Amino acid sequence: MYPQDVCKSYRYSQITRFVQSHEVDDSWSFKELGRVQTSYLTHNYHRYPAKFIPQLTARLIKENSRIGDLVCDPFMGSGTALVEAIVNGRRAYGTDINPVAVLISKAKTTPIEPAFLKDQISPLLGEI
């Protein structure tokens, strides 16, 4: 056996012992949630690939920040963390290299004034 193989084997056994010595916290699985529970608010705007369920993001934000803190998501994807930060009283900042992700996140996090929306929809409803 080569020295690097001994190191890998030792690290593997350390990791295995560590994992086996800790009890599994099933509350992080969110397995009881269905699509309806995970697509509330604006989370259903786009079927972005590999996005987090909002309950996971909300729990992490609540456990690791305080109201008023800034939550930064440097790989924001569809903006799940940004929405959950705002909903939970935090300020939010996100960025992404993907312009589609930026557009989706803007759509999910930009509030629309009800009066503006009413002014925009009234002519449309009149034509329908």
N, C-alpha and C. Protein backbone atom coordinates (compact mmCIF):
# COMPACT_ATOMS: atom_id res chain seq x y z
N MET A 1 0.84 -1.18 0.00
CA MET A 1 0.00 0.00 0.00
C MET A 1 0.89 1.25 0.00
N TYR A 2 0.51 2.24 -0.80
CA TYR A 2 1.25 3.49 -0.86
C TYR A 2 0.85 4.39 0.30
N PRO A 3 1.76 5.31 0.70
CA PRO A 3 1.45 6.20 1.84
C PRO A 3 0.14 6.98 1.65
N GLN A 4 -0.11 7.44 0.42
CA GLN A 4 -1.34 8.19 0.19
C GLN A 4 -2.58 7.31 0.38
N ASP A 5 -2.46 6.02 0.07
CA ASP A 5 -3.57 5.09 0.28
C ASP A 5 -3.84 4.87 1.76
N VAL A 6 -2.78 4.84 2.56
CA VAL A 6 -2.92 4.70 4.01
C VAL A 6 -3.65 5.92 4.56
N CYS A 7 -3.25 7.11 4.09
CA CYS A 7 -3.90 8.36 4.53
C CYS A 7 -5.37 8.35 4.16
N LYS A 8 -5.69 7.97 2.94
CA LYS A 8 -7.08 7.93 2.49
C LYS A 8 -7.88 6.95 3.33
N SER A 9 -7.30 5.79 3.59
CA SER A 9 -7.97 4.77 4.37
C SER A 9 -8.21 5.27 5.80
N TYR A 10 -7.21 5.93 6.38
CA TYR A 10 -7.33 6.46 7.74
C TYR A 10 -8.41 7.54 7.79
N ARG A 11 -8.41 8.46 6.82
CA ARG A 11 -9.43 9.52 6.78
C ARG A 11 -10.81 8.92 6.59
N TYR A 12 -10.92 7.91 5.75
CA TYR A 12 -12.20 7.26 5.52
C TYR A 12 -12.73 6.67 6.82
N SER A 13 -11.86 6.00 7.56
CA SER A 13 -12.31 5.38 8.81
C SER A 13 -12.65 6.45 9.85
N GLN A 14 -11.93 7.56 9.85
CA GLN A 14 -12.27 8.67 10.75
C GLN A 14 -13.66 9.21 10.44
N ILE A 15 -13.90 9.43 9.17
CA ILE A 15 -15.21 9.96 8.74
C ILE A 15 -16.31 8.96 9.08
N THR A 16 -16.08 7.70 8.82
CA THR A 16 -17.07 6.67 9.11
C THR A 16 -17.40 6.64 10.59
N ARG A 17 -16.36 6.67 11.45
CA ARG A 17 -16.59 6.67 12.91
C ARG A 17 -17.37 7.92 13.33
N PHE A 18 -17.01 9.05 12.78
CA PHE A 18 -17.69 10.30 13.12
C PHE A 18 -19.17 10.21 12.76
N VAL A 19 -19.47 9.78 11.55
CA VAL A 19 -20.86 9.69 11.09
C VAL A 19 -21.65 8.68 11.93
N GLN A 20 -21.04 7.55 12.21
CA GLN A 20 -21.73 6.51 12.98
C GLN A 20 -21.95 6.90 14.44
N SER A 21 -21.15 7.81 14.95
CA SER A 21 -21.28 8.22 16.35
C SER A 21 -22.33 9.32 16.55
N HIS A 22 -22.87 9.83 15.48
CA HIS A 22 -23.87 10.89 15.57
C HIS A 22 -25.24 10.37 15.17
N GLU A 23 -26.21 10.80 15.92
CA GLU A 23 -27.59 10.41 15.64
C GLU A 23 -28.12 11.22 14.46
N VAL A 24 -28.89 10.58 13.63
CA VAL A 24 -29.47 11.25 12.47
C VAL A 24 -30.63 12.14 12.92
N ASP A 25 -30.57 13.40 12.51
CA ASP A 25 -31.65 14.35 12.82
C ASP A 25 -32.60 14.38 11.63
N ASP A 26 -33.65 13.62 11.71
CA ASP A 26 -34.61 13.48 10.62
C ASP A 26 -35.37 14.76 10.32
N SER A 27 -35.32 15.73 11.22
CA SER A 27 -36.06 16.97 10.99
C SER A 27 -35.53 17.77 9.80
N TRP A 28 -34.32 17.44 9.35
CA TRP A 28 -33.74 18.13 8.19
C TRP A 28 -34.15 17.48 6.87
N SER A 29 -34.87 16.39 6.89
CA SER A 29 -35.22 15.70 5.64
C SER A 29 -36.40 16.36 4.92
N PHE A 30 -37.32 16.94 5.67
CA PHE A 30 -38.52 17.58 5.12
C PHE A 30 -39.28 16.62 4.20
N LYS A 31 -39.16 15.33 4.48
CA LYS A 31 -39.77 14.32 3.61
C LYS A 31 -41.29 14.34 3.64
N GLU A 32 -41.88 14.96 4.65
CA GLU A 32 -43.34 15.02 4.74
C GLU A 32 -43.94 16.10 3.83
N LEU A 33 -43.10 16.93 3.25
CA LEU A 33 -43.60 18.03 2.42
C LEU A 33 -43.84 17.59 0.98
N GLY A 34 -44.92 18.08 0.42
CA GLY A 34 -45.23 17.84 -0.98
C GLY A 34 -44.98 19.09 -1.80
N ARG A 35 -45.28 19.02 -3.07
CA ARG A 35 -45.05 20.14 -3.99
C ARG A 35 -45.82 21.40 -3.56
N VAL A 36 -47.02 21.23 -3.06
CA VAL A 36 -47.82 22.39 -2.64
C VAL A 36 -47.11 23.15 -1.53
N GLN A 37 -46.55 22.43 -0.55
CA GLN A 37 -45.88 23.08 0.57
C GLN A 37 -44.55 23.72 0.17
N THR A 38 -43.91 23.22 -0.86
CA THR A 38 -42.60 23.76 -1.25
C THR A 38 -42.68 24.78 -2.39
N SER A 39 -43.89 25.12 -2.82
CA SER A 39 -44.01 26.08 -3.93
C SER A 39 -44.87 27.28 -3.56
N TYR A 40 -44.84 27.67 -2.29
CA TYR A 40 -45.61 28.83 -1.86
C TYR A 40 -44.92 30.13 -2.28
N LEU A 41 -45.62 31.23 -2.08
CA LEU A 41 -45.14 32.57 -2.45
C LEU A 41 -44.72 32.57 -3.92
N THR A 42 -43.49 33.00 -4.19
CA THR A 42 -43.02 33.07 -5.58
C THR A 42 -42.12 31.88 -5.95
N HIS A 43 -42.05 30.88 -5.09
CA HIS A 43 -41.14 29.76 -5.33
C HIS A 43 -41.54 28.88 -6.51
N ASN A 44 -42.72 29.09 -7.06
CA ASN A 44 -43.20 28.28 -8.17
C ASN A 44 -43.10 29.01 -9.51
N TYR A 45 -42.45 30.16 -9.54
CA TYR A 45 -42.37 30.94 -10.77
C TYR A 45 -41.62 30.23 -11.89
N HIS A 46 -40.62 29.46 -11.54
CA HIS A 46 -39.78 28.83 -12.56
C HIS A 46 -39.26 27.50 -12.02
N ARG A 47 -39.18 26.51 -12.88
CA ARG A 47 -38.66 25.20 -12.46
C ARG A 47 -37.14 25.16 -12.66
N TYR A 48 -36.47 26.01 -11.92
CA TYR A 48 -35.02 26.10 -12.00
C TYR A 48 -34.40 24.78 -11.53
N PRO A 49 -33.36 24.28 -12.21
CA PRO A 49 -32.78 23.00 -11.82
C PRO A 49 -32.04 23.07 -10.48
N ALA A 50 -32.14 22.01 -9.72
CA ALA A 50 -31.38 21.82 -8.48
C ALA A 50 -31.59 22.92 -7.45
N LYS A 51 -32.82 23.40 -7.34
CA LYS A 51 -33.04 24.45 -6.34
C LYS A 51 -33.38 23.83 -4.98
N PHE A 52 -33.06 24.58 -3.93
CA PHE A 52 -33.36 24.15 -2.57
C PHE A 52 -34.85 24.29 -2.30
N ILE A 53 -35.36 23.45 -1.42
CA ILE A 53 -36.73 23.67 -0.99
C ILE A 53 -36.69 24.85 -0.01
N PRO A 54 -37.70 25.72 -0.04
CA PRO A 54 -37.65 26.93 0.78
C PRO A 54 -37.60 26.66 2.28
N GLN A 55 -38.17 25.56 2.73
CA GLN A 55 -38.16 25.26 4.16
C GLN A 55 -36.73 25.03 4.67
N LEU A 56 -35.90 24.40 3.87
CA LEU A 56 -34.51 24.19 4.25
C LEU A 56 -33.79 25.53 4.35
N THR A 57 -33.97 26.34 3.34
CA THR A 57 -33.33 27.66 3.32
C THR A 57 -33.81 28.52 4.47
N ALA A 58 -35.12 28.53 4.72
CA ALA A 58 -35.68 29.32 5.82
C ALA A 58 -35.09 28.88 7.15
N ARG A 59 -34.98 27.59 7.36
CA ARG A 59 -34.45 27.09 8.64
C ARG A 59 -32.99 27.51 8.83
N LEU A 60 -32.20 27.39 7.78
CA LEU A 60 -30.80 27.81 7.86
C LEU A 60 -30.68 29.30 8.14
N ILE A 61 -31.51 30.10 7.49
CA ILE A 61 -31.47 31.55 7.70
C ILE A 61 -31.87 31.89 9.14
N LYS A 62 -32.95 31.29 9.63
CA LYS A 62 -33.40 31.57 11.00
C LYS A 62 -32.39 31.14 12.04
N GLU A 63 -31.72 30.01 11.81
CA GLU A 63 -30.77 29.49 12.80
C GLU A 63 -29.40 30.17 12.75
N ASN A 64 -29.10 30.86 11.65
CA ASN A 64 -27.75 31.42 11.50
C ASN A 64 -27.71 32.93 11.31
N SER A 65 -28.84 33.60 11.49
CA SER A 65 -28.85 35.06 11.36
C SER A 65 -29.95 35.63 12.24
N ARG A 66 -29.92 36.94 12.38
CA ARG A 66 -30.95 37.63 13.16
C ARG A 66 -31.74 38.56 12.25
N ILE A 67 -32.92 38.95 12.71
CA ILE A 67 -33.74 39.90 11.96
C ILE A 67 -32.91 41.16 11.71
N GLY A 68 -32.94 41.63 10.47
CA GLY A 68 -32.18 42.81 10.08
C GLY A 68 -30.82 42.50 9.49
N ASP A 69 -30.30 41.28 9.71
CA ASP A 69 -29.00 40.90 9.14
C ASP A 69 -29.07 40.84 7.62
N LEU A 70 -27.91 40.91 7.01
CA LEU A 70 -27.80 40.77 5.56
C LEU A 70 -27.49 39.32 5.22
N VAL A 71 -28.31 38.72 4.39
CA VAL A 71 -28.06 37.37 3.88
C VAL A 71 -27.53 37.52 2.47
N CYS A 72 -26.34 36.99 2.23
CA CYS A 72 -25.70 37.09 0.92
C CYS A 72 -25.66 35.71 0.29
N ASP A 73 -26.13 35.63 -0.93
CA ASP A 73 -26.09 34.36 -1.67
C ASP A 73 -25.31 34.60 -2.96
N PRO A 74 -24.02 34.22 -3.00
CA PRO A 74 -23.20 34.51 -4.17
C PRO A 74 -23.51 33.64 -5.39
N PHE A 75 -24.29 32.58 -5.21
CA PHE A 75 -24.71 31.72 -6.32
C PHE A 75 -26.21 31.55 -6.21
N MET A 76 -26.96 32.62 -6.38
CA MET A 76 -28.38 32.67 -5.98
C MET A 76 -29.31 31.79 -6.79
N GLY A 77 -28.92 31.38 -7.97
CA GLY A 77 -29.80 30.52 -8.75
C GLY A 77 -31.18 31.13 -8.88
N SER A 78 -32.20 30.42 -8.45
CA SER A 78 -33.57 30.93 -8.62
C SER A 78 -34.02 31.86 -7.50
N GLY A 79 -33.13 32.20 -6.57
CA GLY A 79 -33.45 33.20 -5.55
C GLY A 79 -34.18 32.71 -4.32
N THR A 80 -34.18 31.40 -4.08
CA THR A 80 -34.88 30.85 -2.92
C THR A 80 -34.39 31.48 -1.62
N ALA A 81 -33.07 31.57 -1.46
CA ALA A 81 -32.52 32.15 -0.22
C ALA A 81 -32.90 33.63 -0.09
N LEU A 82 -32.95 34.34 -1.20
CA LEU A 82 -33.31 35.75 -1.15
C LEU A 82 -34.76 35.94 -0.70
N VAL A 83 -35.65 35.16 -1.28
CA VAL A 83 -37.08 35.24 -0.90
C VAL A 83 -37.24 34.91 0.57
N GLU A 84 -36.63 33.83 1.02
CA GLU A 84 -36.77 33.41 2.41
C GLU A 84 -36.12 34.40 3.37
N ALA A 85 -35.03 35.03 2.96
CA ALA A 85 -34.41 36.06 3.80
C ALA A 85 -35.37 37.23 3.98
N ILE A 86 -35.97 37.69 2.90
CA ILE A 86 -36.90 38.82 2.95
C ILE A 86 -38.12 38.47 3.79
N VAL A 87 -38.69 37.30 3.57
CA VAL A 87 -39.88 36.86 4.31
C VAL A 87 -39.59 36.77 5.81
N ASN A 88 -38.36 36.42 6.15
CA ASN A 88 -37.99 36.25 7.54
C ASN A 88 -37.30 37.49 8.14
N GLY A 89 -37.52 38.64 7.54
CA GLY A 89 -37.07 39.90 8.12
C GLY A 89 -35.59 40.21 7.96
N ARG A 90 -34.94 39.58 7.02
CA ARG A 90 -33.53 39.87 6.76
C ARG A 90 -33.42 40.68 5.47
N ARG A 91 -32.30 41.35 5.32
CA ARG A 91 -32.00 42.00 4.05
C ARG A 91 -31.33 40.95 3.17
N ALA A 92 -31.45 41.07 1.87
CA ALA A 92 -30.93 40.03 0.99
C ALA A 92 -30.13 40.62 -0.16
N TYR A 93 -29.03 39.96 -0.49
CA TYR A 93 -28.21 40.33 -1.62
C TYR A 93 -27.79 39.05 -2.31
N GLY A 94 -27.95 39.01 -3.62
CA GLY A 94 -27.55 37.83 -4.36
C GLY A 94 -26.94 38.19 -5.70
N THR A 95 -26.16 37.28 -6.22
CA THR A 95 -25.54 37.46 -7.52
C THR A 95 -25.42 36.08 -8.18
N ASP A 96 -25.34 36.08 -9.49
CA ASP A 96 -25.17 34.82 -10.22
C ASP A 96 -24.60 35.15 -11.59
N ILE A 97 -23.82 34.25 -12.12
CA ILE A 97 -23.23 34.43 -13.45
C ILE A 97 -24.26 34.18 -14.55
N ASN A 98 -25.31 33.44 -14.22
CA ASN A 98 -26.34 33.07 -15.19
C ASN A 98 -27.39 34.17 -15.29
N PRO A 99 -27.52 34.81 -16.45
CA PRO A 99 -28.50 35.89 -16.60
C PRO A 99 -29.95 35.43 -16.40
N VAL A 100 -30.24 34.18 -16.70
CA VAL A 100 -31.59 33.65 -16.46
C VAL A 100 -31.86 33.61 -14.96
N ALA A 101 -30.86 33.19 -14.18
CA ALA A 101 -31.00 33.16 -12.73
C ALA A 101 -31.25 34.56 -12.18
N VAL A 102 -30.55 35.54 -12.71
CA VAL A 102 -30.73 36.93 -12.26
C VAL A 102 -32.15 37.39 -12.57
N LEU A 103 -32.64 37.11 -13.76
CA LEU A 103 -34.00 37.49 -14.14
C LEU A 103 -35.04 36.83 -13.25
N ILE A 104 -34.90 35.53 -13.01
CA ILE A 104 -35.85 34.80 -12.16
C ILE A 104 -35.84 35.37 -10.75
N SER A 105 -34.65 35.60 -10.22
CA SER A 105 -34.54 36.13 -8.86
C SER A 105 -35.15 37.53 -8.74
N LYS A 106 -34.94 38.35 -9.75
CA LYS A 106 -35.56 39.69 -9.74
C LYS A 106 -37.08 39.57 -9.74
N ALA A 107 -37.58 38.69 -10.58
CA ALA A 107 -39.04 38.51 -10.66
C ALA A 107 -39.61 38.01 -9.33
N LYS A 108 -38.86 37.16 -8.64
CA LYS A 108 -39.34 36.59 -7.38
C LYS A 108 -39.23 37.54 -6.20
N THR A 109 -38.33 38.51 -6.28
CA THR A 109 -38.07 39.36 -5.11
C THR A 109 -38.47 40.82 -5.27
N THR A 110 -38.90 41.23 -6.45
CA THR A 110 -39.26 42.63 -6.67
C THR A 110 -40.75 42.82 -6.40
N PRO A 111 -41.07 43.58 -5.35
CA PRO A 111 -42.49 43.81 -5.06
C PRO A 111 -43.13 44.74 -6.08
N ILE A 112 -44.38 44.52 -6.34
CA ILE A 112 -45.14 45.37 -7.26
C ILE A 112 -46.18 46.12 -6.45
N GLU A 113 -46.20 47.43 -6.61
CA GLU A 113 -47.19 48.25 -5.92
C GLU A 113 -48.58 47.86 -6.41
N PRO A 114 -49.52 47.59 -5.51
CA PRO A 114 -50.88 47.21 -5.92
C PRO A 114 -51.54 48.24 -6.83
N ALA A 115 -51.32 49.52 -6.58
CA ALA A 115 -51.92 50.57 -7.42
C ALA A 115 -51.37 50.48 -8.85
N PHE A 116 -50.07 50.29 -8.98
CA PHE A 116 -49.46 50.15 -10.30
C PHE A 116 -50.02 48.93 -11.02
N LEU A 117 -50.13 47.84 -10.32
CA LEU A 117 -50.67 46.61 -10.90
C LEU A 117 -52.10 46.82 -11.37
N LYS A 118 -52.90 47.49 -10.56
CA LYS A 118 -54.29 47.76 -10.92
C LYS A 118 -54.37 48.64 -12.18
N ASP A 119 -53.50 49.66 -12.24
CA ASP A 119 -53.47 50.54 -13.42
C ASP A 119 -53.08 49.77 -14.68
N GLN A 120 -52.20 48.81 -14.55
CA GLN A 120 -51.74 48.04 -15.69
C GLN A 120 -52.75 46.98 -16.14
N ILE A 121 -53.46 46.43 -15.21
CA ILE A 121 -54.38 45.33 -15.53
C ILE A 121 -55.74 45.82 -15.99
N SER A 122 -56.14 47.01 -15.54
CA SER A 122 -57.48 47.52 -15.90
C SER A 122 -57.70 47.59 -17.42
N PRO A 123 -56.79 48.18 -18.21
CA PRO A 123 -56.99 48.20 -19.66
C PRO A 123 -57.06 46.79 -20.27
N LEU A 124 -56.25 45.90 -19.74
CA LEU A 124 -56.25 44.52 -20.25
C LEU A 124 -57.60 43.86 -19.99
N LEU A 125 -58.11 44.01 -18.78
CA LEU A 125 -59.40 43.43 -18.45
C LEU A 125 -60.52 44.04 -19.29
N GLY A 126 -60.38 45.35 -19.59
CA GLY A 126 -61.37 46.02 -20.43
C GLY A 126 -61.42 45.44 -21.84
N GLU A 127 -60.28 45.06 -22.37
CA GLU A 127 -60.21 44.48 -23.71
C GLU A 127 -60.69 43.04 -23.74
N ILE A 128 -60.54 42.36 -22.64
CA ILE A 128 -60.97 40.96 -22.59
C ILE A 128 -62.47 40.90 -22.54
